[in-house]
Amino acid sequence: MKFVPIKDIAVLRSGFTVRGKVEPIPLDEVTKDNVRLVQMKDLDEYNRFHLDEVYAVDLDNVKPSHYLKPGDVLFRSRGVTNTAVHIGDIPFGLVAASPLVVLRVEPGRADPAYVTWYLNYPGQRQISRLSAGTSVPGVNVADLGDVQVPLPPLATQRAIADLADLGQQEQALMAQLADKRQTYLHALLSQCAQGQTKLGALA
Protein backbone atom coordinates (compact mmCIF):
# COMPACT_ATOMS: atom_id res chain seq x y z
CA MET A 1 0.00 0.00 0.00
CA LYS A 2 1.30 3.43 -0.95
CA PHE A 3 1.77 5.96 1.87
CA VAL A 4 1.86 9.69 1.17
CA PRO A 5 2.41 12.71 3.44
CA ILE A 6 -0.74 14.66 4.20
CA LYS A 7 0.79 17.77 2.64
CA ASP A 8 0.67 15.96 -0.73
CA ILE A 9 -3.10 15.46 -0.59
CA ALA A 10 -4.27 18.51 1.37
CA VAL A 11 -3.61 22.19 1.92
CA LEU A 12 -2.90 22.91 5.59
CA ARG A 13 -3.18 26.26 7.32
CA SER A 14 -3.39 27.59 10.85
CA GLY A 15 -6.70 28.87 12.14
CA PHE A 16 -7.57 32.55 12.43
CA THR A 17 -5.72 34.33 15.23
CA VAL A 18 -8.14 36.19 17.49
CA ARG A 19 -6.74 39.18 19.37
CA GLY A 20 -8.19 39.56 22.84
CA LYS A 21 -11.22 37.92 24.39
CA VAL A 22 -13.93 36.39 22.21
CA GLU A 23 -17.15 38.30 22.79
CA PRO A 24 -20.23 36.51 21.38
CA ILE A 25 -22.96 38.59 19.78
CA PRO A 26 -26.26 38.33 21.74
CA LEU A 27 -28.58 35.78 20.11
CA ASP A 28 -31.31 38.35 19.42
CA GLU A 29 -28.80 40.45 17.45
CA VAL A 30 -27.31 37.66 15.32
CA THR A 31 -27.91 37.84 11.57
CA LYS A 32 -26.99 35.47 8.75
CA ASP A 33 -24.18 37.84 7.79
CA ASN A 34 -22.34 37.43 11.10
CA VAL A 35 -19.25 35.22 11.21
CA ARG A 36 -19.38 32.15 13.46
CA LEU A 37 -16.08 31.34 15.13
CA VAL A 38 -15.28 27.63 15.61
CA GLN A 39 -13.17 27.09 18.73
CA MET A 40 -11.71 24.05 20.48
CA LYS A 41 -14.72 24.03 22.83
CA ASP A 42 -17.05 23.27 19.92
CA LEU A 43 -15.45 19.85 19.29
CA ASP A 44 -16.40 17.08 21.71
CA GLU A 45 -14.58 13.99 22.99
CA TYR A 46 -16.15 11.87 20.25
CA ASN A 47 -14.65 14.15 17.58
CA ARG A 48 -17.99 15.61 16.65
CA PHE A 49 -18.71 19.22 15.76
CA HIS A 50 -21.56 21.08 17.52
CA LEU A 51 -22.71 23.75 15.11
CA ASP A 52 -25.45 25.03 17.44
CA GLU A 53 -22.86 25.99 20.08
CA VAL A 54 -20.66 28.10 17.81
CA TYR A 55 -20.51 31.79 18.77
CA ALA A 56 -21.40 34.53 16.31
CA VAL A 57 -18.75 37.24 16.67
CA ASP A 58 -17.46 40.47 15.16
CA LEU A 59 -14.05 39.82 13.60
CA ASP A 60 -11.72 42.24 11.86
CA ASN A 61 -9.48 41.37 8.92
CA VAL A 62 -11.30 38.17 7.98
CA LYS A 63 -10.39 37.22 4.41
CA PRO A 64 -12.36 34.92 2.06
CA SER A 65 -9.61 32.32 2.46
CA HIS A 66 -10.37 32.10 6.19
CA TYR A 67 -13.88 30.75 5.64
CA LEU A 68 -14.43 27.03 6.01
CA LYS A 69 -15.90 24.89 3.25
CA PRO A 70 -17.88 21.63 3.43
CA GLY A 71 -15.42 18.77 3.63
CA ASP A 72 -12.75 20.68 5.53
CA VAL A 73 -11.03 18.88 8.39
CA LEU A 74 -10.23 20.61 11.68
CA PHE A 75 -7.28 19.36 13.73
CA ARG A 76 -6.66 20.13 17.40
CA SER A 77 -3.03 21.20 17.34
CA ARG A 78 -2.67 22.05 21.04
CA GLY A 79 -3.30 20.19 24.28
CA VAL A 80 -3.19 16.52 25.16
CA THR A 81 -5.88 15.59 22.61
CA ASN A 82 -4.62 15.99 19.05
CA THR A 83 -7.49 14.67 16.96
CA ALA A 84 -9.49 15.76 13.93
CA VAL A 85 -13.12 16.55 13.05
CA HIS A 86 -14.68 16.41 9.60
CA ILE A 87 -16.94 19.35 8.70
CA GLY A 88 -20.13 18.55 6.78
CA ASP A 89 -22.72 21.05 5.57
CA ILE A 90 -22.14 24.69 6.46
CA PRO A 91 -25.30 26.85 6.58
CA PHE A 92 -23.48 30.13 7.30
CA GLY A 93 -20.03 31.71 7.39
CA LEU A 94 -17.65 29.75 9.61
CA VAL A 95 -14.07 30.62 10.57
CA ALA A 96 -11.82 28.29 12.59
CA ALA A 97 -9.85 29.90 15.40
CA SER A 98 -6.25 29.07 16.21
CA PRO A 99 -4.98 26.67 17.59
CA LEU A 100 -7.20 24.67 15.25
CA VAL A 101 -5.53 23.71 11.97
CA VAL A 102 -7.58 23.52 8.77
CA LEU A 103 -6.94 20.74 6.25
CA ARG A 104 -8.54 21.07 2.82
CA VAL A 105 -8.22 17.72 1.11
CA GLU A 106 -7.64 17.68 -2.64
CA PRO A 107 -10.76 16.32 -4.42
CA GLY A 108 -10.13 13.04 -6.17
CA ARG A 109 -6.98 12.24 -4.17
CA ALA A 110 -8.46 11.36 -0.81
CA ASP A 111 -11.75 11.35 1.08
CA PRO A 112 -11.82 13.96 3.90
CA ALA A 113 -13.73 11.68 6.27
CA TYR A 114 -11.18 8.92 5.67
CA VAL A 115 -8.30 11.31 6.40
CA THR A 116 -10.09 12.33 9.60
CA TRP A 117 -10.48 8.69 10.65
CA TYR A 118 -6.83 7.96 9.93
CA LEU A 119 -5.62 10.92 11.97
CA ASN A 120 -7.83 9.89 14.90
CA TYR A 121 -6.89 6.22 15.02
CA PRO A 122 -3.95 4.62 13.13
CA GLY A 123 -2.24 7.99 12.71
CA GLN A 124 -2.22 8.71 16.45
CA ARG A 125 1.04 6.79 16.83
CA GLN A 126 2.79 9.22 14.48
CA ILE A 127 1.06 12.23 16.02
CA SER A 128 1.99 11.28 19.60
CA ARG A 129 5.66 11.18 18.59
CA LEU A 130 5.37 14.70 17.14
CA SER A 131 4.03 16.17 20.40
CA ALA A 132 6.32 14.20 22.73
CA GLY A 133 8.98 16.11 24.61
CA THR A 134 7.46 19.58 24.16
CA SER A 135 6.75 21.79 27.17
CA VAL A 136 3.25 22.54 25.82
CA PRO A 137 1.73 19.46 24.13
CA GLY A 138 0.95 20.17 20.51
CA VAL A 139 1.68 19.58 16.83
CA ASN A 140 2.79 22.30 14.41
CA VAL A 141 1.44 22.60 10.88
CA ALA A 142 4.65 21.55 9.16
CA ASP A 143 4.99 18.36 11.21
CA LEU A 144 1.31 17.51 10.69
CA GLY A 145 1.87 17.80 6.95
CA ASP A 146 4.55 15.12 7.16
CA VAL A 147 2.23 12.52 8.72
CA GLN A 148 2.09 9.53 6.36
CA VAL A 149 -1.32 8.26 5.23
CA PRO A 150 -2.07 5.08 3.23
CA LEU A 151 -4.21 5.71 0.15
CA PRO A 152 -6.40 2.78 -0.90
CA PRO A 153 -8.91 3.39 -3.73
CA LEU A 154 -11.44 6.15 -3.03
CA ALA A 155 -14.31 3.65 -2.78
CA THR A 156 -12.41 1.80 -0.05
CA GLN A 157 -11.63 5.05 1.74
CA ARG A 158 -15.31 6.00 1.78
CA ALA A 159 -16.37 2.55 3.02
CA ILE A 160 -13.84 2.76 5.86
CA ALA A 161 -15.04 6.25 6.78
CA ASP A 162 -18.72 5.17 6.75
CA LEU A 163 -18.07 2.18 9.00
CA ALA A 164 -15.95 4.28 11.36
CA ASP A 165 -18.75 6.85 11.57
CA LEU A 166 -21.28 4.16 12.50
CA GLY A 167 -18.95 2.90 15.22
CA GLN A 168 -18.51 6.42 16.55
CA GLN A 169 -22.28 6.96 16.66
CA GLU A 170 -22.71 3.68 18.55
CA GLN A 171 -20.01 4.70 21.04
CA ALA A 172 -21.71 8.04 21.67
CA LEU A 173 -25.13 6.40 22.14
CA MET A 174 -23.69 3.84 24.58
CA ALA A 175 -22.10 6.66 26.59
CA GLN A 176 -25.42 8.53 26.72
CA LEU A 177 -27.18 5.36 27.86
CA ALA A 178 -24.59 4.81 30.60
CA ASP A 179 -25.05 8.41 31.79
CA LYS A 180 -28.84 7.96 31.95
CA ARG A 181 -28.43 4.73 33.94
CA GLN A 182 -26.14 6.47 36.41
CA THR A 183 -28.60 9.36 36.80
CA TYR A 184 -31.48 6.95 37.40
CA LEU A 185 -29.46 4.87 39.89
CA HIS A 186 -28.41 7.87 41.95
CA ALA A 187 -31.98 9.19 41.98
CA LEU A 188 -33.13 5.88 43.46
CA LEU A 189 -30.29 5.85 45.98
CA SER A 190 -31.21 9.41 46.99
CA GLN A 191 -34.75 8.20 47.68
CA CYS A 192 -33.30 5.40 49.85
CA ALA A 193 -31.21 7.89 51.77
CA GLN A 194 -34.34 9.95 52.53
CA GLY A 195 -36.35 6.90 53.56
CA GLN A 196 -38.67 7.14 50.55
CA THR A 197 -37.62 3.75 49.16
CA LYS A 198 -36.24 0.64 50.88
CA LEU A 199 -32.81 -0.46 49.73
CA GLY A 200 -34.01 -4.06 49.44
CA ALA A 201 -36.54 -3.01 46.82
CA LEU A 202 -33.68 -2.15 44.48
CA ALA A 203 -32.14 -5.63 44.56
C-alpha atoms as a PDB file:
ATOM      1  CA  MET A   1       0.000   0.000   0.000  1.00  0.00           C
ATOM      2  CA  LYS A   2       1.296   3.428  -0.946  1.00  0.00           C
ATOM      3  CA  PHE A   3       1.768   5.958   1.869  1.00  0.00           C
ATOM      4  CA  VAL A   4       1.856   9.695   1.168  1.00  0.00           C
ATOM      5  CA  PRO A   5       2.411  12.712   3.442  1.00  0.00           C
ATOM      6  CA  ILE A   6      -0.738  14.657   4.203  1.00  0.00           C
ATOM      7  CA  LYS A   7       0.791  17.768   2.637  1.00  0.00           C
ATOM      8  CA  ASP A   8       0.673  15.963  -0.734  1.00  0.00           C
ATOM      9  CA  ILE A   9      -3.102  15.460  -0.585  1.00  0.00           C
ATOM     10  CA  ALA A  10      -4.269  18.511   1.369  1.00  0.00           C
ATOM     11  CA  VAL A  11      -3.610  22.191   1.921  1.00  0.00           C
ATOM     12  CA  LEU A  12      -2.903  22.906   5.589  1.00  0.00           C
ATOM     13  CA  ARG A  13      -3.177  26.262   7.318  1.00  0.00           C
ATOM     14  CA  SER A  14      -3.389  27.595  10.848  1.00  0.00           C
ATOM     15  CA  GLY A  15      -6.698  28.866  12.139  1.00  0.00           C
ATOM     16  CA  PHE A  16      -7.573  32.548  12.428  1.00  0.00           C
ATOM     17  CA  THR A  17      -5.720  34.329  15.232  1.00  0.00           C
ATOM     18  CA  VAL A  18      -8.135  36.192  17.486  1.00  0.00           C
ATOM     19  CA  ARG A  19      -6.745  39.177  19.374  1.00  0.00           C
ATOM     20  CA  GLY A  20      -8.191  39.561  22.844  1.00  0.00           C
ATOM     21  CA  LYS A  21     -11.224  37.915  24.390  1.00  0.00           C
ATOM     22  CA  VAL A  22     -13.929  36.387  22.207  1.00  0.00           C
ATOM     23  CA  GLU A  23     -17.152  38.303  22.787  1.00  0.00           C
ATOM     24  CA  PRO A  24     -20.225  36.509  21.378  1.00  0.00           C
ATOM     25  CA  ILE A  25     -22.957  38.592  19.781  1.00  0.00           C
ATOM     26  CA  PRO A  26     -26.259  38.332  21.735  1.00  0.00           C
ATOM     27  CA  LEU A  27     -28.578  35.782  20.106  1.00  0.00           C
ATOM     28  CA  ASP A  28     -31.307  38.347  19.418  1.00  0.00           C
ATOM     29  CA  GLU A  29     -28.804  40.450  17.445  1.00  0.00           C
ATOM     30  CA  VAL A  30     -27.310  37.664  15.323  1.00  0.00           C
ATOM     31  CA  THR A  31     -27.906  37.841  11.568  1.00  0.00           C
ATOM     32  CA  LYS A  32     -26.990  35.468   8.747  1.00  0.00           C
ATOM     33  CA  ASP A  33     -24.185  37.839   7.793  1.00  0.00           C
ATOM     34  CA  ASN A  34     -22.344  37.431  11.101  1.00  0.00           C
ATOM     35  CA  VAL A  35     -19.254  35.225  11.215  1.00  0.00           C
ATOM     36  CA  ARG A  36     -19.379  32.150  13.455  1.00  0.00           C
ATOM     37  CA  LEU A  37     -16.079  31.337  15.134  1.00  0.00           C
ATOM     38  CA  VAL A  38     -15.280  27.633  15.608  1.00  0.00           C
ATOM     39  CA  GLN A  39     -13.173  27.088  18.733  1.00  0.00           C
ATOM     40  CA  MET A  40     -11.711  24.054  20.477  1.00  0.00           C
ATOM     41  CA  LYS A  41     -14.722  24.026  22.829  1.00  0.00           C
ATOM     42  CA  ASP A  42     -17.046  23.270  19.916  1.00  0.00           C
ATOM     43  CA  LEU A  43     -15.449  19.852  19.288  1.00  0.00           C
ATOM     44  CA  ASP A  44     -16.401  17.077  21.707  1.00  0.00           C
ATOM     45  CA  GLU A  45     -14.575  13.993  22.993  1.00  0.00           C
ATOM     46  CA  TYR A  46     -16.150  11.874  20.254  1.00  0.00           C
ATOM     47  CA  ASN A  47     -14.647  14.148  17.584  1.00  0.00           C
ATOM     48  CA  ARG A  48     -17.987  15.613  16.650  1.00  0.00           C
ATOM     49  CA  PHE A  49     -18.707  19.223  15.762  1.00  0.00           C
ATOM     50  CA  HIS A  50     -21.562  21.078  17.521  1.00  0.00           C
ATOM     51  CA  LEU A  51     -22.712  23.755  15.110  1.00  0.00           C
ATOM     52  CA  ASP A  52     -25.448  25.027  17.438  1.00  0.00           C
ATOM     53  CA  GLU A  53     -22.858  25.985  20.084  1.00  0.00           C
ATOM     54  CA  VAL A  54     -20.657  28.105  17.812  1.00  0.00           C
ATOM     55  CA  TYR A  55     -20.510  31.790  18.768  1.00  0.00           C
ATOM     56  CA  ALA A  56     -21.398  34.530  16.306  1.00  0.00           C
ATOM     57  CA  VAL A  57     -18.745  37.243  16.665  1.00  0.00           C
ATOM     58  CA  ASP A  58     -17.463  40.465  15.160  1.00  0.00           C
ATOM     59  CA  LEU A  59     -14.046  39.822  13.602  1.00  0.00           C
ATOM     60  CA  ASP A  60     -11.717  42.235  11.861  1.00  0.00           C
ATOM     61  CA  ASN A  61      -9.475  41.372   8.919  1.00  0.00           C
ATOM     62  CA  VAL A  62     -11.300  38.174   7.976  1.00  0.00           C
ATOM     63  CA  LYS A  63     -10.393  37.218   4.406  1.00  0.00           C
ATOM     64  CA  PRO A  64     -12.356  34.924   2.061  1.00  0.00           C
ATOM     65  CA  SER A  65      -9.610  32.321   2.465  1.00  0.00           C
ATOM     66  CA  HIS A  66     -10.366  32.098   6.194  1.00  0.00           C
ATOM     67  CA  TYR A  67     -13.875  30.751   5.637  1.00  0.00           C
ATOM     68  CA  LEU A  68     -14.426  27.029   6.009  1.00  0.00           C
ATOM     69  CA  LYS A  69     -15.903  24.891   3.249  1.00  0.00           C
ATOM     70  CA  PRO A  70     -17.881  21.632   3.429  1.00  0.00           C
ATOM     71  CA  GLY A  71     -15.418  18.767   3.628  1.00  0.00           C
ATOM     72  CA  ASP A  72     -12.749  20.682   5.526  1.00  0.00           C
ATOM     73  CA  VAL A  73     -11.027  18.877   8.389  1.00  0.00           C
ATOM     74  CA  LEU A  74     -10.225  20.609  11.679  1.00  0.00           C
ATOM     75  CA  PHE A  75      -7.282  19.364  13.728  1.00  0.00           C
ATOM     76  CA  ARG A  76      -6.664  20.131  17.397  1.00  0.00           C
ATOM     77  CA  SER A  77      -3.033  21.202  17.341  1.00  0.00           C
ATOM     78  CA  ARG A  78      -2.675  22.049  21.042  1.00  0.00           C
ATOM     79  CA  GLY A  79      -3.303  20.194  24.275  1.00  0.00           C
ATOM     80  CA  VAL A  80      -3.188  16.521  25.160  1.00  0.00           C
ATOM     81  CA  THR A  81      -5.878  15.587  22.606  1.00  0.00           C
ATOM     82  CA  ASN A  82      -4.623  15.987  19.054  1.00  0.00           C
ATOM     83  CA  THR A  83      -7.493  14.668  16.962  1.00  0.00           C
ATOM     84  CA  ALA A  84      -9.495  15.759  13.931  1.00  0.00           C
ATOM     85  CA  VAL A  85     -13.119  16.548  13.053  1.00  0.00           C
ATOM     86  CA  HIS A  86     -14.680  16.410   9.604  1.00  0.00           C
ATOM     87  CA  ILE A  87     -16.942  19.352   8.700  1.00  0.00           C
ATOM     88  CA  GLY A  88     -20.129  18.553   6.783  1.00  0.00           C
ATOM     89  CA  ASP A  89     -22.724  21.051   5.567  1.00  0.00           C
ATOM     90  CA  ILE A  90     -22.138  24.689   6.462  1.00  0.00           C
ATOM     91  CA  PRO A  91     -25.302  26.852   6.580  1.00  0.00           C
ATOM     92  CA  PHE A  92     -23.480  30.132   7.304  1.00  0.00           C
ATOM     93  CA  GLY A  93     -20.033  31.714   7.394  1.00  0.00           C
ATOM     94  CA  LEU A  94     -17.645  29.751   9.613  1.00  0.00           C
ATOM     95  CA  VAL A  95     -14.068  30.618  10.574  1.00  0.00           C
ATOM     96  CA  ALA A  96     -11.822  28.289  12.587  1.00  0.00           C
ATOM     97  CA  ALA A  97      -9.849  29.896  15.397  1.00  0.00           C
ATOM     98  CA  SER A  98      -6.249  29.067  16.213  1.00  0.00           C
ATOM     99  CA  PRO A  99      -4.976  26.674  17.593  1.00  0.00           C
ATOM    100  CA  LEU A 100      -7.203  24.668  15.247  1.00  0.00           C
ATOM    101  CA  VAL A 101      -5.533  23.710  11.970  1.00  0.00           C
ATOM    102  CA  VAL A 102      -7.579  23.520   8.769  1.00  0.00           C
ATOM    103  CA  LEU A 103      -6.936  20.736   6.248  1.00  0.00           C
ATOM    104  CA  ARG A 104      -8.541  21.071   2.824  1.00  0.00           C
ATOM    105  CA  VAL A 105      -8.223  17.715   1.108  1.00  0.00           C
ATOM    106  CA  GLU A 106      -7.639  17.680  -2.636  1.00  0.00           C
ATOM    107  CA  PRO A 107     -10.756  16.322  -4.416  1.00  0.00           C
ATOM    108  CA  GLY A 108     -10.131  13.037  -6.166  1.00  0.00           C
ATOM    109  CA  ARG A 109      -6.985  12.240  -4.173  1.00  0.00           C
ATOM    110  CA  ALA A 110      -8.465  11.363  -0.814  1.00  0.00           C
ATOM    111  CA  ASP A 111     -11.752  11.353   1.080  1.00  0.00           C
ATOM    112  CA  PRO A 112     -11.818  13.956   3.898  1.00  0.00           C
ATOM    113  CA  ALA A 113     -13.735  11.678   6.270  1.00  0.00           C
ATOM    114  CA  TYR A 114     -11.181   8.917   5.665  1.00  0.00           C
ATOM    115  CA  VAL A 115      -8.296  11.305   6.401  1.00  0.00           C
ATOM    116  CA  THR A 116     -10.092  12.326   9.598  1.00  0.00           C
ATOM    117  CA  TRP A 117     -10.485   8.691  10.653  1.00  0.00           C
ATOM    118  CA  TYR A 118      -6.832   7.959   9.934  1.00  0.00           C
ATOM    119  CA  LEU A 119      -5.617  10.925  11.974  1.00  0.00           C
ATOM    120  CA  ASN A 120      -7.825   9.887  14.900  1.00  0.00           C
ATOM    121  CA  TYR A 121      -6.892   6.221  15.020  1.00  0.00           C
ATOM    122  CA  PRO A 122      -3.951   4.621  13.130  1.00  0.00           C
ATOM    123  CA  GLY A 123      -2.237   7.993  12.713  1.00  0.00           C
ATOM    124  CA  GLN A 124      -2.217   8.710  16.451  1.00  0.00           C
ATOM    125  CA  ARG A 125       1.041   6.787  16.825  1.00  0.00           C
ATOM    126  CA  GLN A 126       2.788   9.222  14.481  1.00  0.00           C
ATOM    127  CA  ILE A 127       1.061  12.232  16.022  1.00  0.00           C
ATOM    128  CA  SER A 128       1.989  11.276  19.596  1.00  0.00           C
ATOM    129  CA  ARG A 129       5.662  11.184  18.592  1.00  0.00           C
ATOM    130  CA  LEU A 130       5.375  14.698  17.139  1.00  0.00           C
ATOM    131  CA  SER A 131       4.034  16.172  20.395  1.00  0.00           C
ATOM    132  CA  ALA A 132       6.315  14.204  22.734  1.00  0.00           C
ATOM    133  CA  GLY A 133       8.982  16.112  24.606  1.00  0.00           C
ATOM    134  CA  THR A 134       7.461  19.576  24.163  1.00  0.00           C
ATOM    135  CA  SER A 135       6.746  21.793  27.170  1.00  0.00           C
ATOM    136  CA  VAL A 136       3.245  22.539  25.818  1.00  0.00           C
ATOM    137  CA  PRO A 137       1.734  19.458  24.127  1.00  0.00           C
ATOM    138  CA  GLY A 138       0.955  20.169  20.510  1.00  0.00           C
ATOM    139  CA  VAL A 139       1.682  19.576  16.829  1.00  0.00           C
ATOM    140  CA  ASN A 140       2.785  22.297  14.415  1.00  0.00           C
ATOM    141  CA  VAL A 141       1.438  22.596  10.883  1.00  0.00           C
ATOM    142  CA  ALA A 142       4.654  21.550   9.156  1.00  0.00           C
ATOM    143  CA  ASP A 143       4.986  18.364  11.210  1.00  0.00           C
ATOM    144  CA  LEU A 144       1.314  17.507  10.686  1.00  0.00           C
ATOM    145  CA  GLY A 145       1.867  17.805   6.950  1.00  0.00           C
ATOM    146  CA  ASP A 146       4.552  15.115   7.159  1.00  0.00           C
ATOM    147  CA  VAL A 147       2.232  12.517   8.718  1.00  0.00           C
ATOM    148  CA  GLN A 148       2.086   9.530   6.357  1.00  0.00           C
ATOM    149  CA  VAL A 149      -1.324   8.259   5.227  1.00  0.00           C
ATOM    150  CA  PRO A 150      -2.066   5.082   3.226  1.00  0.00           C
ATOM    151  CA  LEU A 151      -4.211   5.709   0.147  1.00  0.00           C
ATOM    152  CA  PRO A 152      -6.397   2.783  -0.900  1.00  0.00           C
ATOM    153  CA  PRO A 153      -8.912   3.387  -3.730  1.00  0.00           C
ATOM    154  CA  LEU A 154     -11.442   6.150  -3.028  1.00  0.00           C
ATOM    155  CA  ALA A 155     -14.311   3.649  -2.781  1.00  0.00           C
ATOM    156  CA  THR A 156     -12.412   1.797  -0.054  1.00  0.00           C
ATOM    157  CA  GLN A 157     -11.629   5.053   1.736  1.00  0.00           C
ATOM    158  CA  ARG A 158     -15.315   5.999   1.776  1.00  0.00           C
ATOM    159  CA  ALA A 159     -16.367   2.552   3.017  1.00  0.00           C
ATOM    160  CA  ILE A 160     -13.839   2.758   5.862  1.00  0.00           C
ATOM    161  CA  ALA A 161     -15.042   6.251   6.783  1.00  0.00           C
ATOM    162  CA  ASP A 162     -18.716   5.169   6.753  1.00  0.00           C
ATOM    163  CA  LEU A 163     -18.066   2.181   9.003  1.00  0.00           C
ATOM    164  CA  ALA A 164     -15.950   4.283  11.356  1.00  0.00           C
ATOM    165  CA  ASP A 165     -18.747   6.851  11.572  1.00  0.00           C
ATOM    166  CA  LEU A 166     -21.281   4.164  12.498  1.00  0.00           C
ATOM    167  CA  GLY A 167     -18.947   2.900  15.216  1.00  0.00           C
ATOM    168  CA  GLN A 168     -18.508   6.419  16.548  1.00  0.00           C
ATOM    169  CA  GLN A 169     -22.277   6.964  16.662  1.00  0.00           C
ATOM    170  CA  GLU A 170     -22.706   3.681  18.547  1.00  0.00           C
ATOM    171  CA  GLN A 171     -20.006   4.697  21.038  1.00  0.00           C
ATOM    172  CA  ALA A 172     -21.710   8.041  21.667  1.00  0.00           C
ATOM    173  CA  LEU A 173     -25.125   6.399  22.140  1.00  0.00           C
ATOM    174  CA  MET A 174     -23.692   3.844  24.582  1.00  0.00           C
ATOM    175  CA  ALA A 175     -22.096   6.663  26.588  1.00  0.00           C
ATOM    176  CA  GLN A 176     -25.421   8.533  26.720  1.00  0.00           C
ATOM    177  CA  LEU A 177     -27.178   5.363  27.865  1.00  0.00           C
ATOM    178  CA  ALA A 178     -24.590   4.813  30.604  1.00  0.00           C
ATOM    179  CA  ASP A 179     -25.053   8.409  31.792  1.00  0.00           C
ATOM    180  CA  LYS A 180     -28.839   7.957  31.949  1.00  0.00           C
ATOM    181  CA  ARG A 181     -28.429   4.733  33.937  1.00  0.00           C
ATOM    182  CA  GLN A 182     -26.140   6.475  36.414  1.00  0.00           C
ATOM    183  CA  THR A 183     -28.601   9.363  36.804  1.00  0.00           C
ATOM    184  CA  TYR A 184     -31.475   6.945  37.403  1.00  0.00           C
ATOM    185  CA  LEU A 185     -29.456   4.869  39.890  1.00  0.00           C
ATOM    186  CA  HIS A 186     -28.410   7.869  41.955  1.00  0.00           C
ATOM    187  CA  ALA A 187     -31.976   9.193  41.979  1.00  0.00           C
ATOM    188  CA  LEU A 188     -33.133   5.879  43.463  1.00  0.00           C
ATOM    189  CA  LEU A 189     -30.289   5.855  45.983  1.00  0.00           C
ATOM    190  CA  SER A 190     -31.206   9.409  46.993  1.00  0.00           C
ATOM    191  CA  GLN A 191     -34.754   8.195  47.682  1.00  0.00           C
ATOM    192  CA  CYS A 192     -33.304   5.405  49.846  1.00  0.00           C
ATOM    193  CA  ALA A 193     -31.210   7.894  51.774  1.00  0.00           C
ATOM    194  CA  GLN A 194     -34.338   9.946  52.526  1.00  0.00           C
ATOM    195  CA  GLY A 195     -36.355   6.897  53.563  1.00  0.00           C
ATOM    196  CA  GLN A 196     -38.673   7.137  50.548  1.00  0.00           C
ATOM    197  CA  THR A 197     -37.615   3.753  49.161  1.00  0.00           C
ATOM    198  CA  LYS A 198     -36.237   0.643  50.880  1.00  0.00           C
ATOM    199  CA  LEU A 199     -32.814  -0.462  49.735  1.00  0.00           C
ATOM    200  CA  GLY A 200     -34.009  -4.056  49.443  1.00  0.00           C
ATOM    201  CA  ALA A 201     -36.541  -3.014  46.815  1.00  0.00           C
ATOM    202  CA  LEU A 202     -33.676  -2.150  44.479  1.00  0.00           C
ATOM    203  CA  ALA A 203     -32.142  -5.626  44.557  1.00  0.00           C
END
